[in-house]
PDB file of N, CA and C in Angstrom:
ATOM      1  N   UNK A   1       0.733  -1.509   0.010  1.00  0.00           N
ATOM      2  CA  UNK A   1       0.305  -0.194   0.194  1.00  0.00           C
ATOM      3  C   UNK A   1       0.807   1.196   0.260  1.00  0.00           C
ATOM      4  N   UNK A   2       2.278   0.979   1.012  1.00  0.00           N
ATOM      5  CA  UNK A   2       3.076   2.564   0.690  1.00  0.00           C
ATOM      6  C   UNK A   2       3.120   1.853  -0.228  1.00  0.00           C
ATOM      7  N   UNK A   3       3.716   1.312  -1.201  1.00  0.00           N
ATOM      8  CA  UNK A   3       4.375   1.007  -2.363  1.00  0.00           C
ATOM      9  C   UNK A   3       4.277   2.764  -3.578  1.00  0.00           C
ATOM     10  N   UNK A   4       2.668   1.846  -3.702  1.00  0.00           N
ATOM     11  CA  UNK A   4       1.365   2.103  -4.100  1.00  0.00           C
ATOM     12  C   UNK A   4       1.089   3.764  -3.780  1.00  0.00           C
ATOM     13  N   UNK A   5       0.943   4.155  -2.846  1.00  0.00           N
ATOM     14  CA  UNK A   5       0.962   5.622  -2.892  1.00  0.00           C
ATOM     15  C   UNK A   5       2.734   5.920  -3.045  1.00  0.00           C
ATOM     16  N   UNK A   6       3.298   5.812  -3.094  1.00  0.00           N
ATOM     17  CA  UNK A   6       4.273   6.544  -3.330  1.00  0.00           C
ATOM     18  C   UNK A   6       4.769   7.153  -4.245  1.00  0.00           C
ATOM     19  N   UNK A   7       4.068   5.824  -5.334  1.00  0.00           N
ATOM     20  CA  UNK A   7       4.863   5.743  -6.844  1.00  0.00           C
ATOM     21  C   UNK A   7       3.838   7.142  -7.390  1.00  0.00           C
ATOM     22  N   UNK A   8       2.658   6.866  -6.820  1.00  0.00           N
ATOM     23  CA  UNK A   8       1.388   7.803  -7.370  1.00  0.00           C
ATOM     24  C   UNK A   8       1.638   9.140  -7.187  1.00  0.00           C
ATOM     25  N   UNK A   9       2.281   9.263  -5.947  1.00  0.00           N
ATOM     26  CA  UNK A   9       3.124  10.793  -5.732  1.00  0.00           C
ATOM     27  C   UNK A   9       3.923  11.497  -6.119  1.00  0.00           C
ATOM     28  N   UNK A  10       4.817  10.464  -6.742  1.00  0.00           N
ATOM     29  CA  UNK A  10       6.290  10.045  -7.883  1.00  0.00           C
ATOM     30  C   UNK A  10       5.653  10.363  -9.142  1.00  0.00           C
ATOM     31  N   UNK A  11       4.634   9.670  -9.661  1.00  0.00           N
ATOM     32  CA  UNK A  11       4.052  10.172 -10.208  1.00  0.00           C
ATOM     33  C   UNK A  11       3.676  11.481 -11.059  1.00  0.00           C
ATOM     34  N   UNK A  12       2.766  11.775  -9.886  1.00  0.00           N
ATOM     35  CA  UNK A  12       2.236  13.118 -10.052  1.00  0.00           C
ATOM     36  C   UNK A  12       3.354  14.508  -9.812  1.00  0.00           C
ATOM     37  N   UNK A  13       4.286  14.372  -9.061  1.00  0.00           N
ATOM     38  CA  UNK A  13       5.317  14.917  -8.830  1.00  0.00           C
ATOM     39  C   UNK A  13       6.111  15.883 -10.149  1.00  0.00           C
ATOM     40  N   UNK A  14       6.254  14.534 -10.610  1.00  0.00           N
ATOM     41  CA  UNK A  14       7.588  14.491 -12.866  1.00  0.00           C
ATOM     42  C   UNK A  14       6.179  15.106 -13.424  1.00  0.00           C
ATOM     43  N   UNK A  15       4.903  14.199 -12.944  1.00  0.00           N
ATOM     44  CA  UNK A  15       4.132  14.980 -14.567  1.00  0.00           C
ATOM     45  C   UNK A  15       4.442  17.078 -14.337  1.00  0.00           C
ATOM     46  N   UNK A  16       4.101  17.365 -12.482  1.00  0.00           N
ATOM     47  CA  UNK A  16       3.808  19.052 -12.581  1.00  0.00           C
ATOM     48  C   UNK A  16       5.066  19.679 -13.337  1.00  0.00           C
ATOM     49  N   UNK A  17       6.504  19.160 -12.768  1.00  0.00           N
ATOM     50  CA  UNK A  17       7.285  18.949 -12.752  1.00  0.00           C
ATOM     51  C   UNK A  17       7.677  19.826 -14.294  1.00  0.00           C
ATOM     52  N   UNK A  18       7.326  18.519 -15.249  1.00  0.00           N
ATOM     53  CA  UNK A  18       6.834  19.147 -16.750  1.00  0.00           C
ATOM     54  C   UNK A  18       6.434  19.741 -17.687  1.00  0.00           C
ATOM     55  N   UNK A  19       5.109  19.893 -16.659  1.00  0.00           N
ATOM     56  CA  UNK A  19       4.177  20.678 -17.288  1.00  0.00           C
ATOM     57  C   UNK A  19       4.715  22.243 -16.762  1.00  0.00           C
ATOM     58  N   UNK A  20       5.283  22.204 -15.707  1.00  0.00           N
ATOM     59  CA  UNK A  20       6.087  23.556 -15.650  1.00  0.00           C
ATOM     60  C   UNK A  20       7.536  24.409 -16.536  1.00  0.00           C
ATOM     61  N   UNK A  21       8.227  23.139 -16.678  1.00  0.00           N
ATOM     62  CA  UNK A  21       9.208  23.151 -17.674  1.00  0.00           C
ATOM     63  C   UNK A  21       8.872  23.465 -18.949  1.00  0.00           C
ATOM     64  N   UNK A  22       7.654  22.547 -19.562  1.00  0.00           N
ATOM     65  CA  UNK A  22       6.436  23.354 -20.689  1.00  0.00           C
ATOM     66  C   UNK A  22       6.370  24.818 -21.139  1.00  0.00           C
ATOM     67  N   UNK A  23       5.626  24.717 -19.512  1.00  0.00           N
ATOM     68  CA  UNK A  23       4.830  26.007 -19.790  1.00  0.00           C
ATOM     69  C   UNK A  23       6.171  26.905 -20.201  1.00  0.00           C
ATOM     70  N   UNK A  24       7.615  26.929 -18.633  1.00  0.00           N
ATOM     71  CA  UNK A  24       8.334  27.774 -18.584  1.00  0.00           C
ATOM     72  C   UNK A  24       8.997  27.930 -20.223  1.00  0.00           C
ATOM     73  N   UNK A  25       9.234  27.366 -20.822  1.00  0.00           N
ATOM     74  CA  UNK A  25       9.933  26.450 -22.702  1.00  0.00           C
ATOM     75  C   UNK A  25       8.831  27.768 -23.452  1.00  0.00           C
ATOM     76  N   UNK A  26       7.134  27.562 -22.917  1.00  0.00           N
ATOM     77  CA  UNK A  26       6.911  28.150 -24.614  1.00  0.00           C
ATOM     78  C   UNK A  26       6.510  29.725 -23.982  1.00  0.00           C
ATOM     79  N   UNK A  27       6.523  30.514 -22.478  1.00  0.00           N
ATOM     80  CA  UNK A  27       6.777  31.657 -22.401  1.00  0.00           C
ATOM     81  C   UNK A  27       8.097  32.070 -22.734  1.00  0.00           C
ATOM     82  N   UNK A  28       8.807  31.376 -22.586  1.00  0.00           N
ATOM     83  CA  UNK A  28      10.675  32.267 -22.941  1.00  0.00           C
ATOM     84  C   UNK A  28      10.379  32.620 -24.451  1.00  0.00           C
ATOM     85  N   UNK A  29       9.658  31.435 -25.879  1.00  0.00           N
ATOM     86  CA  UNK A  29       9.295  31.967 -26.715  1.00  0.00           C
ATOM     87  C   UNK A  29       8.595  32.691 -27.268  1.00  0.00           C
ATOM     88  N   UNK A  30       7.049  32.747 -26.107  1.00  0.00           N
ATOM     89  CA  UNK A  30       6.615  34.308 -26.333  1.00  0.00           C
ATOM     90  C   UNK A  30       7.248  35.944 -25.999  1.00  0.00           C
ATOM     91  N   UNK A  31       8.459  35.203 -25.197  1.00  0.00           N
ATOM     92  CA  UNK A  31       8.556  36.919 -25.194  1.00  0.00           C
ATOM     93  C   UNK A  31       9.460  37.434 -25.647  1.00  0.00           C
ATOM     94  N   UNK A  32      10.616  35.841 -26.266  1.00  0.00           N
ATOM     95  CA  UNK A  32      11.448  36.587 -27.917  1.00  0.00           C
ATOM     96  C   UNK A  32      10.948  36.705 -28.553  1.00  0.00           C
ATOM     97  N   UNK A  33       9.274  37.011 -29.050  1.00  0.00           N
ATOM     98  CA  UNK A  33       8.572  37.493 -30.233  1.00  0.00           C
ATOM     99  C   UNK A  33       7.620  38.500 -30.155  1.00  0.00           C
ATOM    100  N   UNK A  34       8.340  38.884 -28.151  1.00  0.00           N
ATOM    101  CA  UNK A  34       8.217  40.371 -27.874  1.00  0.00           C
ATOM    102  C   UNK A  34       9.695  41.145 -28.337  1.00  0.00           C
ATOM    103  N   UNK A  35      10.607  40.451 -27.771  1.00  0.00           N
ATOM    104  CA  UNK A  35      11.917  41.047 -27.973  1.00  0.00           C
ATOM    105  C   UNK A  35      12.675  41.174 -28.956  1.00  0.00           C
ATOM    106  N   UNK A  36      12.673  40.980 -30.314  1.00  0.00           N
ATOM    107  CA  UNK A  36      12.375  40.401 -31.647  1.00  0.00           C
ATOM    108  C   UNK A  36      12.081  41.572 -32.248  1.00  0.00           C
ATOM    109  N   UNK A  37      13.179  42.547 -32.973  1.00  0.00           N
ATOM    110  CA  UNK A  37      12.428  43.889 -33.141  1.00  0.00           C
ATOM    111  C   UNK A  37      12.139  43.368 -34.864  1.00  0.00           C
ATOM    112  N   UNK A  38      11.619  43.033 -35.312  1.00  0.00           N
ATOM    113  CA  UNK A  38      10.073  43.178 -36.385  1.00  0.00           C
ATOM    114  C   UNK A  38       9.390  44.373 -36.701  1.00  0.00           C
ATOM    115  N   UNK A  39       9.268  44.734 -38.217  1.00  0.00           N
ATOM    116  CA  UNK A  39       8.996  45.373 -38.662  1.00  0.00           C
ATOM    117  C   UNK A  39       7.279  45.832 -38.737  1.00  0.00           C
ATOM    118  N   UNK A  40       6.530  44.087 -38.716  1.00  0.00           N
ATOM    119  CA  UNK A  40       5.036  44.064 -38.326  1.00  0.00           C
ATOM    120  C   UNK A  40       5.438  44.026 -37.136  1.00  0.00           C
ATOM    121  N   UNK A  41       5.279  44.476 -36.198  1.00  0.00           N
ATOM    122  CA  UNK A  41       5.120  44.196 -34.651  1.00  0.00           C
ATOM    123  C   UNK A  41       3.909  45.407 -34.492  1.00  0.00           C
ATOM    124  N   UNK A  42       2.813  45.317 -34.373  1.00  0.00           N
ATOM    125  CA  UNK A  42       2.276  46.148 -33.277  1.00  0.00           C
ATOM    126  C   UNK A  42       1.587  46.310 -31.866  1.00  0.00           C
ATOM    127  N   UNK A  43       1.058  47.125 -31.595  1.00  0.00           N
ATOM    128  CA  UNK A  43       0.926  47.082 -30.224  1.00  0.00           C
ATOM    129  C   UNK A  43       0.515  46.643 -29.454  1.00  0.00           C
ATOM    130  N   UNK A  44      -0.884  45.939 -30.872  1.00  0.00           N
ATOM    131  CA  UNK A  44      -1.826  44.941 -29.722  1.00  0.00           C
ATOM    132  C   UNK A  44      -0.961  43.324 -29.638  1.00  0.00           C
ATOM    133  N   UNK A  45      -0.502  43.309 -31.211  1.00  0.00           N
ATOM    134  CA  UNK A  45       0.626  41.900 -30.709  1.00  0.00           C
ATOM    135  C   UNK A  45       1.444  41.856 -29.402  1.00  0.00           C
ATOM    136  N   UNK A  46       2.147  42.840 -29.521  1.00  0.00           N
ATOM    137  CA  UNK A  46       2.743  42.697 -28.485  1.00  0.00           C
ATOM    138  C   UNK A  46       2.895  42.762 -27.083  1.00  0.00           C
ATOM    139  N   UNK A  47       1.283  43.488 -26.314  1.00  0.00           N
ATOM    140  CA  UNK A  47       0.128  43.071 -25.573  1.00  0.00           C
ATOM    141  C   UNK A  47      -0.025  41.763 -25.461  1.00  0.00           C
ATOM    142  N   UNK A  48      -0.537  41.109 -26.628  1.00  0.00           N
ATOM    143  CA  UNK A  48      -0.836  40.039 -26.806  1.00  0.00           C
ATOM    144  C   UNK A  48      -0.067  38.710 -26.203  1.00  0.00           C
ATOM    145  N   UNK A  49       1.240  39.203 -26.463  1.00  0.00           N
ATOM    146  CA  UNK A  49       2.672  38.081 -26.407  1.00  0.00           C
ATOM    147  C   UNK A  49       2.543  38.207 -25.278  1.00  0.00           C
ATOM    148  N   UNK A  50       2.706  39.785 -24.194  1.00  0.00           N
ATOM    149  CA  UNK A  50       3.146  40.313 -22.846  1.00  0.00           C
ATOM    150  C   UNK A  50       2.073  39.167 -22.135  1.00  0.00           C
ATOM    151  N   UNK A  51       0.983  39.412 -22.258  1.00  0.00           N
ATOM    152  CA  UNK A  51       0.053  38.312 -21.435  1.00  0.00           C
ATOM    153  C   UNK A  51      -0.028  37.264 -21.205  1.00  0.00           C
ATOM    154  N   UNK A  52       0.054  36.667 -23.114  1.00  0.00           N
ATOM    155  CA  UNK A  52       0.087  36.022 -22.743  1.00  0.00           C
ATOM    156  C   UNK A  52       1.729  34.425 -21.820  1.00  0.00           C
ATOM    157  N   UNK A  53       2.566  35.853 -22.167  1.00  0.00           N
ATOM    158  CA  UNK A  53       4.206  35.126 -21.352  1.00  0.00           C
ATOM    159  C   UNK A  53       3.726  35.222 -19.802  1.00  0.00           C
ATOM    160  N   UNK A  54       2.905  36.048 -19.020  1.00  0.00           N
ATOM    161  CA  UNK A  54       2.523  36.244 -17.842  1.00  0.00           C
ATOM    162  C   UNK A  54       1.429  35.663 -17.759  1.00  0.00           C
ATOM    163  N   UNK A  55       0.250  34.596 -18.115  1.00  0.00           N
ATOM    164  CA  UNK A  55       0.060  34.028 -18.266  1.00  0.00           C
ATOM    165  C   UNK A  55       0.837  32.861 -17.373  1.00  0.00           C
ATOM    166  N   UNK A  56       1.268  32.373 -18.475  1.00  0.00           N
ATOM    167  CA  UNK A  56       2.354  30.889 -18.604  1.00  0.00           C
ATOM    168  C   UNK A  56       3.125  30.958 -17.190  1.00  0.00           C
ATOM    169  N   UNK A  57       4.157  32.299 -17.636  1.00  0.00           N
ATOM    170  CA  UNK A  57       5.025  32.717 -16.521  1.00  0.00           C
ATOM    171  C   UNK A  57       3.737  31.683 -14.959  1.00  0.00           C
ATOM    172  N   UNK A  58       2.771  32.351 -14.493  1.00  0.00           N
ATOM    173  CA  UNK A  58       1.777  31.922 -13.622  1.00  0.00           C
ATOM    174  C   UNK A  58       1.945  29.843 -13.176  1.00  0.00           C
ATOM    175  N   UNK A  59       1.212  30.514 -14.457  1.00  0.00           N
ATOM    176  CA  UNK A  59       0.350  28.407 -14.338  1.00  0.00           C
ATOM    177  C   UNK A  59       1.933  28.342 -14.243  1.00  0.00           C
ATOM    178  N   UNK A  60       3.617  27.560 -14.819  1.00  0.00           N
ATOM    179  CA  UNK A  60       4.238  27.442 -14.501  1.00  0.00           C
ATOM    180  C   UNK A  60       4.693  27.358 -13.109  1.00  0.00           C
ATOM    181  N   UNK A  61       4.304  28.027 -12.241  1.00  0.00           N
ATOM    182  CA  UNK A  61       4.798  29.018 -11.049  1.00  0.00           C
ATOM    183  C   UNK A  61       4.513  27.717 -10.038  1.00  0.00           C
ATOM    184  N   UNK A  62       3.112  27.620 -10.755  1.00  0.00           N
ATOM    185  CA  UNK A  62       1.258  27.160  -9.731  1.00  0.00           C
ATOM    186  C   UNK A  62       1.997  25.502  -9.912  1.00  0.00           C
ATOM    187  N   UNK A  63       2.708  25.303 -11.278  1.00  0.00           N
ATOM    188  CA  UNK A  63       2.874  24.001 -11.066  1.00  0.00           C
ATOM    189  C   UNK A  63       3.943  23.845 -10.745  1.00  0.00           C
ATOM    190  N   UNK A  64       5.175  24.692 -10.828  1.00  0.00           N
ATOM    191  CA  UNK A  64       6.392  23.740  -9.683  1.00  0.00           C
ATOM    192  C   UNK A  64       5.554  23.677  -7.882  1.00  0.00           C
ATOM    193  N   UNK A  65       4.991  24.694  -7.837  1.00  0.00           N
ATOM    194  CA  UNK A  65       4.197  25.102  -6.042  1.00  0.00           C
ATOM    195  C   UNK A  65       4.087  23.472  -5.764  1.00  0.00           C
ATOM    196  N   UNK A  66       3.092  22.866  -6.789  1.00  0.00           N
ATOM    197  CA  UNK A  66       2.411  21.290  -6.973  1.00  0.00           C
ATOM    198  C   UNK A  66       3.738  20.918  -6.672  1.00  0.00           C
ATOM    199  N   UNK A  67       4.735  20.779  -7.721  1.00  0.00           N
ATOM    200  CA  UNK A  67       5.144  19.361  -7.659  1.00  0.00           C
ATOM    201  C   UNK A  67       6.276  19.635  -5.801  1.00  0.00           C
ATOM    202  N   UNK A  68       6.780  20.844  -5.787  1.00  0.00           N
ATOM    203  CA  UNK A  68       7.229  20.674  -4.165  1.00  0.00           C
ATOM    204  C   UNK A  68       6.379  19.894  -3.061  1.00  0.00           C
ATOM    205  N   UNK A  69       4.949  20.146  -3.381  1.00  0.00           N
ATOM    206  CA  UNK A  69       4.019  20.073  -2.449  1.00  0.00           C
ATOM    207  C   UNK A  69       4.164  18.647  -2.131  1.00  0.00           C
ATOM    208  N   UNK A  70       4.199  17.994  -3.107  1.00  0.00           N
ATOM    209  CA  UNK A  70       3.742  16.157  -3.767  1.00  0.00           C
ATOM    210  C   UNK A  70       5.343  15.935  -2.897  1.00  0.00           C
ATOM    211  N   UNK A  71       6.620  16.215  -3.987  1.00  0.00           N
ATOM    212  CA  UNK A  71       7.669  15.811  -2.742  1.00  0.00           C
ATOM    213  C   UNK A  71       8.100  15.918  -1.720  1.00  0.00           C
ATOM    214  N   UNK A  72       7.728  17.072  -0.756  1.00  0.00           N
ATOM    215  CA  UNK A  72       6.824  17.374   0.757  1.00  0.00           C
ATOM    216  C   UNK A  72       6.693  16.091   1.325  1.00  0.00           C
ATOM    217  N   UNK A  73       4.854  15.246   0.947  1.00  0.00           N
ATOM    218  CA  UNK A  73       4.485  14.688   0.782  1.00  0.00           C
ATOM    219  C   UNK A  73       4.835  13.467   0.812  1.00  0.00           C
ATOM    220  N   UNK A  74       5.943  12.986  -0.108  1.00  0.00           N
ATOM    221  CA  UNK A  74       6.408  12.121  -0.319  1.00  0.00           C
ATOM    222  C   UNK A  74       7.515  11.619   0.892  1.00  0.00           C
ATOM    223  N   UNK A  75       8.063  12.577   1.100  1.00  0.00           N
ATOM    224  CA  UNK A  75       9.579  12.693   2.044  1.00  0.00           C
ATOM    225  C   UNK A  75       8.574  12.437   3.225  1.00  0.00           C
ATOM    226  N   UNK A  76       7.319  12.575   3.998  1.00  0.00           N
ATOM    227  CA  UNK A  76       6.784  13.014   5.085  1.00  0.00           C
ATOM    228  C   UNK A  76       6.167  11.532   5.011  1.00  0.00           C
ATOM    229  N   UNK A  77       6.141  11.040   3.940  1.00  0.00           N
ATOM    230  CA  UNK A  77       5.213   9.277   4.277  1.00  0.00           C
ATOM    231  C   UNK A  77       6.986   8.715   4.081  1.00  0.00           C
ATOM    232  N   UNK A  78       8.087   8.435   3.361  1.00  0.00           N
ATOM    233  CA  UNK A  78       8.881   8.418   3.510  1.00  0.00           C
ATOM    234  C   UNK A  78       9.530   7.679   5.080  1.00  0.00           C
ATOM    235  N   UNK A  79       9.421   9.054   6.346  1.00  0.00           N
ATOM    236  CA  UNK A  79      10.090   9.038   7.255  1.00  0.00           C
ATOM    237  C   UNK A  79       9.296   8.268   8.006  1.00  0.00           C
TER     238      UNK A  79
END
């Protein structure tokens, strides 16, 4: 029973880390779209890209905090 619960928590922790890193990478690409100068960039595109960047960074932070929570849960079960 303890092994099954540990395995489930480990899988959740890994999933949340993966989600966090994926969203972090996507937000970096969106931010690069803002800072690389092009002639076709309009203010509305810049606002959209920056809003998306902030939202993705926030979601990434949420997923990383959940991964940390599951890691602490796993350590408390292990003791």
